[in-house]
Amino acid sequence: MANILAVDDMRSMRDLVKSVLEKRGHSVTTHDDGQTAYDFAKSNRVDLVISDINMPIMDGISLVESLRALPGYRNTPILMLTTEDATDKKNQARSAGANGWIQKPFNPERLVNAVDKTLLKN
């Protein structure tokens, strides 16, 4: 299964994502802001990144831009998992290099389906 990096400033959301995906056999590493996730990614490879947009220190869009600048993350799939639903935010995320969008609150099956579909594409 996949190694996944999940980034969200809400502990309950990180725990939920981790629990749902680990029950499906994935390995999930969590971080609470974009900067610590980026620092982790510089020395660790993952198969998929799931990130919130609104976080302290480094937001999700900045994280996507920073990850895309790393040679090992140019083609790594990145999903945004957020309460944001504004078209301009979605466009910013896509322009930064995000591959998909999951709206919070989410159904666990929807998360699993989005992860599986994204991993199959890559």
PDB file of N, CA and C in Angstrom:
ATOM      1  N   MET A   1       0.836  -1.184   0.000  1.00  0.00           N
ATOM      2  CA  MET A   1       0.000   0.000   0.000  1.00  0.00           C
ATOM      3  C   MET A   1       0.882   1.250   0.000  1.00  0.00           C
ATOM      4  N   ALA A   2       0.259   2.405   0.067  1.00  0.00           N
ATOM      5  CA  ALA A   2       0.972   3.666  -0.118  1.00  0.00           C
ATOM      6  C   ALA A   2       1.450   4.281   1.193  1.00  0.00           C
ATOM      7  N   ASN A   3       2.533   5.045   1.078  1.00  0.00           N
ATOM      8  CA  ASN A   3       3.002   5.901   2.162  1.00  0.00           C
ATOM      9  C   ASN A   3       2.398   7.275   1.914  1.00  0.00           C
ATOM     10  N   ILE A   4       1.639   7.776   2.877  1.00  0.00           N
ATOM     11  CA  ILE A   4       0.878   9.013   2.712  1.00  0.00           C
ATOM     12  C   ILE A   4       1.289  10.021   3.769  1.00  0.00           C
ATOM     13  N   LEU A   5       1.414  11.277   3.362  1.00  0.00           N
ATOM     14  CA  LEU A   5       1.675  12.398   4.257  1.00  0.00           C
ATOM     15  C   LEU A   5       0.386  13.198   4.365  1.00  0.00           C
ATOM     16  N   ALA A   6      -0.168  13.314   5.580  1.00  0.00           N
ATOM     17  CA  ALA A   6      -1.400  14.068   5.810  1.00  0.00           C
ATOM     18  C   ALA A   6      -1.079  15.281   6.682  1.00  0.00           C
ATOM     19  N   VAL A   7      -1.508  16.455   6.211  1.00  0.00           N
ATOM     20  CA  VAL A   7      -1.162  17.703   6.882  1.00  0.00           C
ATOM     21  C   VAL A   7      -2.437  18.488   7.192  1.00  0.00           C
ATOM     22  N   ASP A   8      -2.661  18.751   8.471  1.00  0.00           N
ATOM     23  CA  ASP A   8      -3.836  19.519   8.890  1.00  0.00           C
ATOM     24  C   ASP A   8      -3.558  20.064  10.284  1.00  0.00           C
ATOM     25  N   ASP A   9      -3.969  21.292  10.544  1.00  0.00           N
ATOM     26  CA  ASP A   9      -3.718  21.880  11.854  1.00  0.00           C
ATOM     27  C   ASP A   9      -4.689  21.367  12.924  1.00  0.00           C
ATOM     28  N   MET A  10      -5.758  20.701  12.529  1.00  0.00           N
ATOM     29  CA  MET A  10      -6.698  20.138  13.498  1.00  0.00           C
ATOM     30  C   MET A  10      -6.330  18.686  13.806  1.00  0.00           C
ATOM     31  N   ARG A  11      -6.001  18.444  15.051  1.00  0.00           N
ATOM     32  CA  ARG A  11      -5.594  17.092  15.463  1.00  0.00           C
ATOM     33  C   ARG A  11      -6.675  16.061  15.145  1.00  0.00           C
ATOM     34  N   SER A  12      -7.929  16.410  15.393  1.00  0.00           N
ATOM     35  CA  SER A  12      -9.012  15.452  15.147  1.00  0.00           C
ATOM     36  C   SER A  12      -9.079  15.067  13.667  1.00  0.00           C
ATOM     37  N   MET A  13      -8.813  16.003  12.775  1.00  0.00           N
ATOM     38  CA  MET A  13      -8.829  15.714  11.339  1.00  0.00           C
ATOM     39  C   MET A  13      -7.646  14.824  10.969  1.00  0.00           C
ATOM     40  N   ARG A  14      -6.459  15.131  11.507  1.00  0.00           N
ATOM     41  CA  ARG A  14      -5.287  14.283  11.247  1.00  0.00           C
ATOM     42  C   ARG A  14      -5.549  12.861  11.724  1.00  0.00           C
ATOM     43  N   ASP A  15      -6.103  12.742  12.929  1.00  0.00           N
ATOM     44  CA  ASP A  15      -6.375  11.424  13.490  1.00  0.00           C
ATOM     45  C   ASP A  15      -7.406  10.657  12.658  1.00  0.00           C
ATOM     46  N   LEU A  16      -8.432  11.360  12.166  1.00  0.00           N
ATOM     47  CA  LEU A  16      -9.453  10.716  11.357  1.00  0.00           C
ATOM     48  C   LEU A  16      -8.880  10.214  10.030  1.00  0.00           C
ATOM     49  N   VAL A  17      -8.134  11.070   9.355  1.00  0.00           N
ATOM     50  CA  VAL A  17      -7.522  10.682   8.076  1.00  0.00           C
ATOM     51  C   VAL A  17      -6.593   9.487   8.286  1.00  0.00           C
ATOM     52  N   LYS A  18      -5.768   9.572   9.312  1.00  0.00           N
ATOM     53  CA  LYS A  18      -4.828   8.484   9.603  1.00  0.00           C
ATOM     54  C   LYS A  18      -5.570   7.180   9.880  1.00  0.00           C
ATOM     55  N   SER A  19      -6.592   7.232  10.714  1.00  0.00           N
ATOM     56  CA  SER A  19      -7.351   6.036  11.070  1.00  0.00           C
ATOM     57  C   SER A  19      -8.027   5.414   9.850  1.00  0.00           C
ATOM     58  N   VAL A  20      -8.713   6.230   9.074  1.00  0.00           N
ATOM     59  CA  VAL A  20      -9.432   5.726   7.894  1.00  0.00           C
ATOM     60  C   VAL A  20      -8.469   5.072   6.912  1.00  0.00           C
ATOM     61  N   LEU A  21      -7.358   5.738   6.628  1.00  0.00           N
ATOM     62  CA  LEU A  21      -6.435   5.225   5.609  1.00  0.00           C
ATOM     63  C   LEU A  21      -5.595   4.055   6.110  1.00  0.00           C
ATOM     64  N   GLU A  22      -5.242   4.055   7.385  1.00  0.00           N
ATOM     65  CA  GLU A  22      -4.475   2.919   7.910  1.00  0.00           C
ATOM     66  C   GLU A  22      -5.333   1.657   7.965  1.00  0.00           C
ATOM     67  N   LYS A  23      -6.640   1.803   8.173  1.00  0.00           N
ATOM     68  CA  LYS A  23      -7.531   0.634   8.132  1.00  0.00           C
ATOM     69  C   LYS A  23      -7.543   0.012   6.743  1.00  0.00           C
ATOM     70  N   ARG A  24      -7.197   0.788   5.729  1.00  0.00           N
ATOM     71  CA  ARG A  24      -7.131   0.295   4.346  1.00  0.00           C
ATOM     72  C   ARG A  24      -5.733  -0.184   3.975  1.00  0.00           C
ATOM     73  N   GLY A  25      -4.824  -0.183   4.952  1.00  0.00           N
ATOM     74  CA  GLY A  25      -3.497  -0.725   4.715  1.00  0.00           C
ATOM     75  C   GLY A  25      -2.417   0.286   4.361  1.00  0.00           C
ATOM     76  N   HIS A  26      -2.768   1.561   4.314  1.00  0.00           N
ATOM     77  CA  HIS A  26      -1.777   2.591   4.006  1.00  0.00           C
ATOM     78  C   HIS A  26      -0.983   2.953   5.254  1.00  0.00           C
ATOM     79  N   SER A  27       0.207   3.477   5.053  1.00  0.00           N
ATOM     80  CA  SER A  27       1.027   4.019   6.130  1.00  0.00           C
ATOM     81  C   SER A  27       0.873   5.539   6.071  1.00  0.00           C
ATOM     82  N   VAL A  28       0.491   6.163   7.191  1.00  0.00           N
ATOM     83  CA  VAL A  28       0.205   7.597   7.190  1.00  0.00           C
ATOM     84  C   VAL A  28       1.070   8.307   8.218  1.00  0.00           C
ATOM     85  N   THR A  29       1.787   9.321   7.760  1.00  0.00           N
ATOM     86  CA  THR A  29       2.547  10.222   8.622  1.00  0.00           C
ATOM     87  C   THR A  29       1.794  11.536   8.654  1.00  0.00           C
ATOM     88  N   THR A  30       1.638  12.130   9.841  1.00  0.00           N
ATOM     89  CA  THR A  30       0.898  13.378   9.949  1.00  0.00           C
ATOM     90  C   THR A  30       1.774  14.523  10.453  1.00  0.00           C
ATOM     91  N   HIS A  31       1.398  15.716  10.021  1.00  0.00           N
ATOM     92  CA  HIS A  31       2.027  16.951  10.501  1.00  0.00           C
ATOM     93  C   HIS A  31       0.952  18.004  10.648  1.00  0.00           C
ATOM     94  N   ASP A  32       1.201  18.984  11.541  1.00  0.00           N
ATOM     95  CA  ASP A  32       0.170  19.973  11.847  1.00  0.00           C
ATOM     96  C   ASP A  32       0.331  21.312  11.146  1.00  0.00           C
ATOM     97  N   ASP A  33       1.353  21.462  10.327  1.00  0.00           N
ATOM     98  CA  ASP A  33       1.485  22.671   9.525  1.00  0.00           C
ATOM     99  C   ASP A  33       2.361  22.377   8.311  1.00  0.00           C
ATOM    100  N   GLY A  34       2.284  23.261   7.344  1.00  0.00           N
ATOM    101  CA  GLY A  34       2.997  23.051   6.094  1.00  0.00           C
ATOM    102  C   GLY A  34       4.504  23.030   6.238  1.00  0.00           C
ATOM    103  N   GLN A  35       5.039  23.834   7.146  1.00  0.00           N
ATOM    104  CA  GLN A  35       6.490  23.895   7.293  1.00  0.00           C
ATOM    105  C   GLN A  35       7.071  22.587   7.819  1.00  0.00           C
ATOM    106  N   THR A  36       6.457  22.011   8.851  1.00  0.00           N
ATOM    107  CA  THR A  36       6.989  20.744   9.376  1.00  0.00           C
ATOM    108  C   THR A  36       6.793  19.628   8.351  1.00  0.00           C
ATOM    109  N   ALA A  37       5.699  19.691   7.595  1.00  0.00           N
ATOM    110  CA  ALA A  37       5.479  18.697   6.538  1.00  0.00           C
ATOM    111  C   ALA A  37       6.543  18.842   5.453  1.00  0.00           C
ATOM    112  N   TYR A  38       6.845  20.061   5.069  1.00  0.00           N
ATOM    113  CA  TYR A  38       7.866  20.312   4.046  1.00  0.00           C
ATOM    114  C   TYR A  38       9.226  19.828   4.535  1.00  0.00           C
ATOM    115  N   ASP A  39       9.561  20.133   5.780  1.00  0.00           N
ATOM    116  CA  ASP A  39      10.837  19.685   6.344  1.00  0.00           C
ATOM    117  C   ASP A  39      10.920  18.152   6.318  1.00  0.00           C
ATOM    118  N   PHE A  40       9.833  17.486   6.646  1.00  0.00           N
ATOM    119  CA  PHE A  40       9.779  16.029   6.584  1.00  0.00           C
ATOM    120  C   PHE A  40       9.989  15.553   5.144  1.00  0.00           C
ATOM    121  N   ALA A  41       9.297  16.182   4.207  1.00  0.00           N
ATOM    122  CA  ALA A  41       9.332  15.755   2.799  1.00  0.00           C
ATOM    123  C   ALA A  41      10.715  15.918   2.175  1.00  0.00           C
ATOM    124  N   LYS A  42      11.494  16.869   2.653  1.00  0.00           N
ATOM    125  CA  LYS A  42      12.831  17.078   2.088  1.00  0.00           C
ATOM    126  C   LYS A  42      13.722  15.852   2.263  1.00  0.00           C
ATOM    127  N   SER A  43      13.463  15.059   3.293  1.00  0.00           N
ATOM    128  CA  SER A  43      14.314  13.885   3.511  1.00  0.00           C
ATOM    129  C   SER A  43      13.541  12.570   3.512  1.00  0.00           C
ATOM    130  N   ASN A  44      12.262  12.612   3.185  1.00  0.00           N
ATOM    131  CA  ASN A  44      11.430  11.405   3.147  1.00  0.00           C
ATOM    132  C   ASN A  44      10.520  11.448   1.932  1.00  0.00           C
ATOM    133  N   ARG A  45      10.422  10.337   1.231  1.00  0.00           N
ATOM    134  CA  ARG A  45       9.518  10.254   0.068  1.00  0.00           C
ATOM    135  C   ARG A  45       8.209   9.629   0.493  1.00  0.00           C
ATOM    136  N   VAL A  46       7.126  10.151  -0.057  1.00  0.00           N
ATOM    137  CA  VAL A  46       5.810   9.556   0.139  1.00  0.00           C
ATOM    138  C   VAL A  46       5.172   9.372  -1.229  1.00  0.00           C
ATOM    139  N   ASP A  47       4.118   8.572  -1.267  1.00  0.00           N
ATOM    140  CA  ASP A  47       3.419   8.305  -2.522  1.00  0.00           C
ATOM    141  C   ASP A  47       2.286   9.278  -2.784  1.00  0.00           C
ATOM    142  N   LEU A  48       1.813   9.946  -1.728  1.00  0.00           N
ATOM    143  CA  LEU A  48       0.675  10.856  -1.834  1.00  0.00           C
ATOM    144  C   LEU A  48       0.724  11.845  -0.679  1.00  0.00           C
ATOM    145  N   VAL A  49       0.348  13.091  -0.952  1.00  0.00           N
ATOM    146  CA  VAL A  49       0.228  14.120   0.081  1.00  0.00           C
ATOM    147  C   VAL A  49      -1.232  14.553   0.125  1.00  0.00           C
ATOM    148  N   ILE A  50      -1.768  14.668   1.342  1.00  0.00           N
ATOM    149  CA  ILE A  50      -3.107  15.208   1.566  1.00  0.00           C
ATOM    150  C   ILE A  50      -2.931  16.403   2.489  1.00  0.00           C
ATOM    151  N   SER A  51      -3.390  17.584   2.051  1.00  0.00           N
ATOM    152  CA  SER A  51      -3.147  18.783   2.843  1.00  0.00           C
ATOM    153  C   SER A  51      -4.369  19.682   2.942  1.00  0.00           C
ATOM    154  N   ASP A  52      -4.533  20.245   4.113  1.00  0.00           N
ATOM    155  CA  ASP A  52      -5.490  21.324   4.340  1.00  0.00           C
ATOM    156  C   ASP A  52      -4.923  22.581   3.672  1.00  0.00           C
ATOM    157  N   ILE A  53      -5.738  23.599   3.500  1.00  0.00           N
ATOM    158  CA  ILE A  53      -5.239  24.870   2.966  1.00  0.00           C
ATOM    159  C   ILE A  53      -4.900  25.823   4.098  1.00  0.00           C
ATOM    160  N   ASN A  54      -5.834  26.041   5.006  1.00  0.00           N
ATOM    161  CA  ASN A  54      -5.660  27.038   6.066  1.00  0.00           C
ATOM    162  C   ASN A  54      -4.946  26.432   7.267  1.00  0.00           C
ATOM    163  N   MET A  55      -3.642  26.755   7.364  1.00  0.00           N
ATOM    164  CA  MET A  55      -2.816  26.253   8.465  1.00  0.00           C
ATOM    165  C   MET A  55      -1.842  27.342   8.876  1.00  0.00           C
ATOM    166  N   PRO A  56      -1.357  27.283  10.117  1.00  0.00           N
ATOM    167  CA  PRO A  56      -0.359  28.261  10.560  1.00  0.00           C
ATOM    168  C   PRO A  56       1.012  27.975   9.938  1.00  0.00           C
ATOM    169  N   ILE A  57       1.880  28.931  10.024  1.00  0.00           N
ATOM    170  CA  ILE A  57       3.283  28.871   9.612  1.00  0.00           C
ATOM    171  C   ILE A  57       3.423  28.785   8.097  1.00  0.00           C
ATOM    172  N   MET A  58       2.925  27.712   7.471  1.00  0.00           N
ATOM    173  CA  MET A  58       2.914  27.598   6.007  1.00  0.00           C
ATOM    174  C   MET A  58       1.578  26.993   5.607  1.00  0.00           C
ATOM    175  N   ASP A  59       0.827  27.717   4.785  1.00  0.00           N
ATOM    176  CA  ASP A  59      -0.484  27.201   4.372  1.00  0.00           C
ATOM    177  C   ASP A  59      -0.327  26.106   3.319  1.00  0.00           C
ATOM    178  N   GLY A  60      -1.445  25.472   2.988  1.00  0.00           N
ATOM    179  CA  GLY A  60      -1.418  24.335   2.072  1.00  0.00           C
ATOM    180  C   GLY A  60      -0.988  24.675   0.661  1.00  0.00           C
ATOM    181  N   ILE A  61      -1.388  25.826   0.162  1.00  0.00           N
ATOM    182  CA  ILE A  61      -0.994  26.210  -1.200  1.00  0.00           C
ATOM    183  C   ILE A  61       0.504  26.467  -1.260  1.00  0.00           C
ATOM    184  N   SER A  62       1.048  27.122  -0.240  1.00  0.00           N
ATOM    185  CA  SER A  62       2.501  27.324  -0.186  1.00  0.00           C
ATOM    186  C   SER A  62       3.228  25.991  -0.056  1.00  0.00           C
ATOM    187  N   LEU A  63       2.639  25.059   0.692  1.00  0.00           N
ATOM    188  CA  LEU A  63       3.238  23.729   0.815  1.00  0.00           C
ATOM    189  C   LEU A  63       3.290  23.046  -0.545  1.00  0.00           C
ATOM    190  N   VAL A  64       2.197  23.106  -1.296  1.00  0.00           N
ATOM    191  CA  VAL A  64       2.169  22.486  -2.623  1.00  0.00           C
ATOM    192  C   VAL A  64       3.254  23.096  -3.507  1.00  0.00           C
ATOM    193  N   GLU A  65       3.352  24.405  -3.525  1.00  0.00           N
ATOM    194  CA  GLU A  65       4.382  25.082  -4.338  1.00  0.00           C
ATOM    195  C   GLU A  65       5.781  24.642  -3.915  1.00  0.00           C
ATOM    196  N   SER A  66       6.002  24.569  -2.605  1.00  0.00           N
ATOM    197  CA  SER A  66       7.322  24.175  -2.094  1.00  0.00           C
ATOM    198  C   SER A  66       7.644  22.725  -2.439  1.00  0.00           C
ATOM    199  N   LEU A  67       6.655  21.847  -2.302  1.00  0.00           N
ATOM    200  CA  LEU A  67       6.883  20.444  -2.647  1.00  0.00           C
ATOM    201  C   LEU A  67       7.178  20.284  -4.131  1.00  0.00           C
ATOM    202  N   ARG A  68       6.456  20.981  -4.973  1.00  0.00           N
ATOM    203  CA  ARG A  68       6.666  20.874  -6.422  1.00  0.00           C
ATOM    204  C   ARG A  68       8.065  21.341  -6.834  1.00  0.00           C
ATOM    205  N   ALA A  69       8.692  22.167  -6.001  1.00  0.00           N
ATOM    206  CA  ALA A  69      10.054  22.622  -6.293  1.00  0.00           C
ATOM    207  C   ALA A  69      11.101  21.563  -5.945  1.00  0.00           C
ATOM    208  N   LEU A  70      10.719  20.555  -5.169  1.00  0.00           N
ATOM    209  CA  LEU A  70      11.644  19.464  -4.831  1.00  0.00           C
ATOM    210  C   LEU A  70      11.639  18.442  -5.963  1.00  0.00           C
ATOM    211  N   PRO A  71      12.804  18.033  -6.450  1.00  0.00           N
ATOM    212  CA  PRO A  71      12.842  17.068  -7.563  1.00  0.00           C
ATOM    213  C   PRO A  71      12.030  15.800  -7.313  1.00  0.00           C
ATOM    214  N   GLY A  72      12.045  15.279  -6.110  1.00  0.00           N
ATOM    215  CA  GLY A  72      11.331  14.042  -5.808  1.00  0.00           C
ATOM    216  C   GLY A  72       9.826  14.191  -5.692  1.00  0.00           C
ATOM    217  N   TYR A  73       9.332  15.419  -5.704  1.00  0.00           N
ATOM    218  CA  TYR A  73       7.901  15.659  -5.534  1.00  0.00           C
ATOM    219  C   TYR A  73       7.250  16.333  -6.741  1.00  0.00           C
ATOM    220  N   ARG A  74       7.959  16.411  -7.830  1.00  0.00           N
ATOM    221  CA  ARG A  74       7.384  17.061  -9.015  1.00  0.00           C
ATOM    222  C   ARG A  74       6.153  16.336  -9.532  1.00  0.00           C
ATOM    223  N   ASN A  75       6.117  15.010  -9.390  1.00  0.00           N
ATOM    224  CA  ASN A  75       4.989  14.231  -9.904  1.00  0.00           C
ATOM    225  C   ASN A  75       4.197  13.500  -8.822  1.00  0.00           C
ATOM    226  N   THR A  76       4.518  13.746  -7.566  1.00  0.00           N
ATOM    227  CA  THR A  76       3.796  13.106  -6.468  1.00  0.00           C
ATOM    228  C   THR A  76       2.382  13.681  -6.398  1.00  0.00           C
ATOM    229  N   PRO A  77       1.353  12.840  -6.366  1.00  0.00           N
ATOM    230  CA  PRO A  77      -0.005  13.368  -6.278  1.00  0.00           C
ATOM    231  C   PRO A  77      -0.255  14.093  -4.958  1.00  0.00           C
ATOM    232  N   ILE A  78      -0.974  15.202  -5.059  1.00  0.00           N
ATOM    233  CA  ILE A  78      -1.316  16.016  -3.891  1.00  0.00           C
ATOM    234  C   ILE A  78      -2.813  16.315  -3.934  1.00  0.00           C
ATOM    235  N   LEU A  79      -3.499  15.942  -2.854  1.00  0.00           N
ATOM    236  CA  LEU A  79      -4.917  16.237  -2.708  1.00  0.00           C
ATOM    237  C   LEU A  79      -5.118  17.295  -1.626  1.00  0.00           C
ATOM    238  N   MET A  80      -5.992  18.242  -1.881  1.00  0.00           N
ATOM    239  CA  MET A  80      -6.338  19.231  -0.878  1.00  0.00           C
ATOM    240  C   MET A  80      -7.584  18.725  -0.153  1.00  0.00           C
ATOM    241  N   LEU A  81      -7.558  18.747   1.174  1.00  0.00           N
ATOM    242  CA  LEU A  81      -8.678  18.328   2.014  1.00  0.00           C
ATOM    243  C   LEU A  81      -9.015  19.540   2.876  1.00  0.00           C
ATOM    244  N   THR A  82     -10.101  20.245   2.542  1.00  0.00           N
ATOM    245  CA  THR A  82     -10.322  21.547   3.143  1.00  0.00           C
ATOM    246  C   THR A  82     -11.793  21.926   3.206  1.00  0.00           C
ATOM    247  N   THR A  83     -12.095  22.891   4.056  1.00  0.00           N
ATOM    248  CA  THR A  83     -13.448  23.457   4.113  1.00  0.00           C
ATOM    249  C   THR A  83     -13.638  24.512   3.035  1.00  0.00           C
ATOM    250  N   GLU A  84     -12.545  24.977   2.455  1.00  0.00           N
ATOM    251  CA  GLU A  84     -12.621  25.982   1.389  1.00  0.00           C
ATOM    252  C   GLU A  84     -13.394  25.420   0.205  1.00  0.00           C
ATOM    253  N   ASP A  85     -14.270  26.236  -0.362  1.00  0.00           N
ATOM    254  CA  ASP A  85     -14.965  25.798  -1.568  1.00  0.00           C
ATOM    255  C   ASP A  85     -15.012  26.883  -2.634  1.00  0.00           C
ATOM    256  N   ALA A  86     -14.290  27.972  -2.399  1.00  0.00           N
ATOM    257  CA  ALA A  86     -14.274  29.064  -3.368  1.00  0.00           C
ATOM    258  C   ALA A  86     -13.500  28.660  -4.619  1.00  0.00           C
ATOM    259  N   THR A  87     -14.034  29.019  -5.762  1.00  0.00           N
ATOM    260  CA  THR A  87     -13.407  28.684  -7.039  1.00  0.00           C
ATOM    261  C   THR A  87     -11.998  29.233  -7.135  1.00  0.00           C
ATOM    262  N   ASP A  88     -11.764  30.456  -6.626  1.00  0.00           N
ATOM    263  CA  ASP A  88     -10.421  31.031  -6.713  1.00  0.00           C
ATOM    264  C   ASP A  88      -9.412  30.234  -5.899  1.00  0.00           C
ATOM    265  N   LYS A  89      -9.823  29.685  -4.753  1.00  0.00           N
ATOM    266  CA  LYS A  89      -8.919  28.839  -3.956  1.00  0.00           C
ATOM    267  C   LYS A  89      -8.600  27.545  -4.696  1.00  0.00           C
ATOM    268  N   LYS A  90      -9.612  26.958  -5.317  1.00  0.00           N
ATOM    269  CA  LYS A  90      -9.389  25.737  -6.088  1.00  0.00           C
ATOM    270  C   LYS A  90      -8.436  26.010  -7.244  1.00  0.00           C
ATOM    271  N   ASN A  91      -8.614  27.138  -7.910  1.00  0.00           N
ATOM    272  CA  ASN A  91      -7.725  27.502  -9.018  1.00  0.00           C
ATOM    273  C   ASN A  91      -6.308  27.754  -8.540  1.00  0.00           C
ATOM    274  N   GLN A  92      -6.167  28.395  -7.370  1.00  0.00           N
ATOM    275  CA  GLN A  92      -4.831  28.627  -6.802  1.00  0.00           C
ATOM    276  C   GLN A  92      -4.152  27.289  -6.493  1.00  0.00           C
ATOM    277  N   ALA A  93      -4.911  26.380  -5.914  1.00  0.00           N
ATOM    278  CA  ALA A  93      -4.351  25.067  -5.571  1.00  0.00           C
ATOM    279  C   ALA A  93      -3.930  24.312  -6.825  1.00  0.00           C
ATOM    280  N   ARG A  94      -4.777  24.337  -7.851  1.00  0.00           N
ATOM    281  CA  ARG A  94      -4.430  23.665  -9.114  1.00  0.00           C
ATOM    282  C   ARG A  94      -3.197  24.302  -9.748  1.00  0.00           C
ATOM    283  N   SER A  95      -3.152  25.621  -9.744  1.00  0.00           N
ATOM    284  CA  SER A  95      -1.998  26.331 -10.321  1.00  0.00           C
ATOM    285  C   SER A  95      -0.715  26.012  -9.568  1.00  0.00           C
ATOM    286  N   ALA A  96      -0.827  25.791  -8.265  1.00  0.00           N
ATOM    287  CA  ALA A  96       0.340  25.445  -7.454  1.00  0.00           C
ATOM    288  C   ALA A  96       0.803  24.021  -7.719  1.00  0.00           C
ATOM    289  N   GLY A  97      -0.122  23.170  -8.219  1.00  0.00           N
ATOM    290  CA  GLY A  97       0.255  21.794  -8.523  1.00  0.00           C
ATOM    291  C   GLY A  97      -0.584  20.730  -7.849  1.00  0.00           C
ATOM    292  N   ALA A  98      -1.680  21.118  -7.179  1.00  0.00           N
ATOM    293  CA  ALA A  98      -2.552  20.125  -6.552  1.00  0.00           C
ATOM    294  C   ALA A  98      -3.287  19.332  -7.628  1.00  0.00           C
ATOM    295  N   ASN A  99      -3.507  18.051  -7.350  1.00  0.00           N
ATOM    296  CA  ASN A  99      -4.162  17.163  -8.310  1.00  0.00           C
ATOM    297  C   ASN A  99      -5.654  16.973  -8.062  1.00  0.00           C
ATOM    298  N   GLY A 100      -6.120  17.287  -6.852  1.00  0.00           N
ATOM    299  CA  GLY A 100      -7.520  17.054  -6.551  1.00  0.00           C
ATOM    300  C   GLY A 100      -7.961  17.775  -5.299  1.00  0.00           C
ATOM    301  N   TRP A 101      -9.254  17.655  -5.012  1.00  0.00           N
ATOM    302  CA  TRP A 101      -9.895  18.431  -3.966  1.00  0.00           C
ATOM    303  C   TRP A 101     -10.922  17.570  -3.253  1.00  0.00           C
ATOM    304  N   ILE A 102     -10.863  17.534  -1.931  1.00  0.00           N
ATOM    305  CA  ILE A 102     -11.863  16.843  -1.126  1.00  0.00           C
ATOM    306  C   ILE A 102     -12.426  17.856  -0.142  1.00  0.00           C
ATOM    307  N   GLN A 103     -13.734  18.011  -0.160  1.00  0.00           N
ATOM    308  CA  GLN A 103     -14.404  18.986   0.694  1.00  0.00           C
ATOM    309  C   GLN A 103     -14.640  18.419   2.094  1.00  0.00           C
ATOM    310  N   LYS A 104     -14.297  19.195   3.128  1.00  0.00           N
ATOM    311  CA  LYS A 104     -14.635  18.844   4.515  1.00  0.00           C
ATOM    312  C   LYS A 104     -16.020  19.412   4.806  1.00  0.00           C
ATOM    313  N   PRO A 105     -16.811  18.787   5.634  1.00  0.00           N
ATOM    314  CA  PRO A 105     -16.593  17.450   6.185  1.00  0.00           C
ATOM    315  C   PRO A 105     -16.742  16.409   5.084  1.00  0.00           C
ATOM    316  N   PHE A 106     -16.100  15.283   5.275  1.00  0.00           N
ATOM    317  CA  PHE A 106     -16.111  14.259   4.239  1.00  0.00           C
ATOM    318  C   PHE A 106     -16.583  12.931   4.803  1.00  0.00           C
ATOM    319  N   ASN A 107     -17.092  12.121   3.924  1.00  0.00           N
ATOM    320  CA  ASN A 107     -17.455  10.759   4.231  1.00  0.00           C
ATOM    321  C   ASN A 107     -16.173   9.933   4.107  1.00  0.00           C
ATOM    322  N   PRO A 108     -15.851   9.082   5.090  1.00  0.00           N
ATOM    323  CA  PRO A 108     -14.621   8.285   4.997  1.00  0.00           C
ATOM    324  C   PRO A 108     -14.478   7.510   3.684  1.00  0.00           C
ATOM    325  N   GLU A 109     -15.584   6.977   3.164  1.00  0.00           N
ATOM    326  CA  GLU A 109     -15.510   6.248   1.894  1.00  0.00           C
ATOM    327  C   GLU A 109     -15.108   7.163   0.744  1.00  0.00           C
ATOM    328  N   ARG A 110     -15.562   8.397   0.799  1.00  0.00           N
ATOM    329  CA  ARG A 110     -15.194   9.361  -0.245  1.00  0.00           C
ATOM    330  C   ARG A 110     -13.687   9.631  -0.209  1.00  0.00           C
ATOM    331  N   LEU A 111     -13.133   9.744   1.001  1.00  0.00           N
ATOM    332  CA  LEU A 111     -11.689   9.932   1.138  1.00  0.00           C
ATOM    333  C   LEU A 111     -10.947   8.734   0.566  1.00  0.00           C
ATOM    334  N   VAL A 112     -11.360   7.541   0.941  1.00  0.00           N
ATOM    335  CA  VAL A 112     -10.712   6.320   0.451  1.00  0.00           C
ATOM    336  C   VAL A 112     -10.796   6.250  -1.073  1.00  0.00           C
ATOM    337  N   ASN A 113     -11.964   6.532  -1.619  1.00  0.00           N
ATOM    338  CA  ASN A 113     -12.133   6.494  -3.075  1.00  0.00           C
ATOM    339  C   ASN A 113     -11.242   7.514  -3.777  1.00  0.00           C
ATOM    340  N   ALA A 114     -11.152   8.723  -3.220  1.00  0.00           N
ATOM    341  CA  ALA A 114     -10.305   9.754  -3.823  1.00  0.00           C
ATOM    342  C   ALA A 114      -8.831   9.351  -3.772  1.00  0.00           C
ATOM    343  N   VAL A 115      -8.411   8.787  -2.641  1.00  0.00           N
ATOM    344  CA  VAL A 115      -7.022   8.329  -2.502  1.00  0.00           C
ATOM    345  C   VAL A 115      -6.743   7.201  -3.489  1.00  0.00           C
ATOM    346  N   ASP A 116      -7.617   6.199  -3.531  1.00  0.00           N
ATOM    347  CA  ASP A 116      -7.412   5.065  -4.440  1.00  0.00           C
ATOM    348  C   ASP A 116      -7.373   5.522  -5.897  1.00  0.00           C
ATOM    349  N   LYS A 117      -8.297   6.378  -6.270  1.00  0.00           N
ATOM    350  CA  LYS A 117      -8.358   6.867  -7.662  1.00  0.00           C
ATOM    351  C   LYS A 117      -7.093   7.662  -8.005  1.00  0.00           C
ATOM    352  N   THR A 118      -6.648   8.495  -7.089  1.00  0.00           N
ATOM    353  CA  THR A 118      -5.458   9.308  -7.326  1.00  0.00           C
ATOM    354  C   THR A 118      -4.216   8.447  -7.436  1.00  0.00           C
ATOM    355  N   LEU A 119      -4.102   7.452  -6.571  1.00  0.00           N
ATOM    356  CA  LEU A 119      -2.931   6.565  -6.620  1.00  0.00           C
ATOM    357  C   LEU A 119      -2.917   5.721  -7.885  1.00  0.00           C
ATOM    358  N   LEU A 120      -4.070   5.308  -8.368  1.00  0.00           N
ATOM    359  CA  LEU A 120      -4.151   4.521  -9.604  1.00  0.00           C
ATOM    360  C   LEU A 120      -3.698   5.332 -10.828  1.00  0.00           C
ATOM    361  N   LYS A 121      -3.946   6.623 -10.817  1.00  0.00           N
ATOM    362  CA  LYS A 121      -3.568   7.481 -11.932  1.00  0.00           C
ATOM    363  C   LYS A 121      -2.055   7.639 -12.028  1.00  0.00           C
ATOM    364  N   ASN A 122      -1.383   7.462 -10.905  1.00  0.00           N
ATOM    365  CA  ASN A 122       0.065   7.743 -10.887  1.00  0.00           C
ATOM    366  C   ASN A 122       0.865   6.506 -10.757  1.00  0.00           C
TER     367      ASN A 122
END
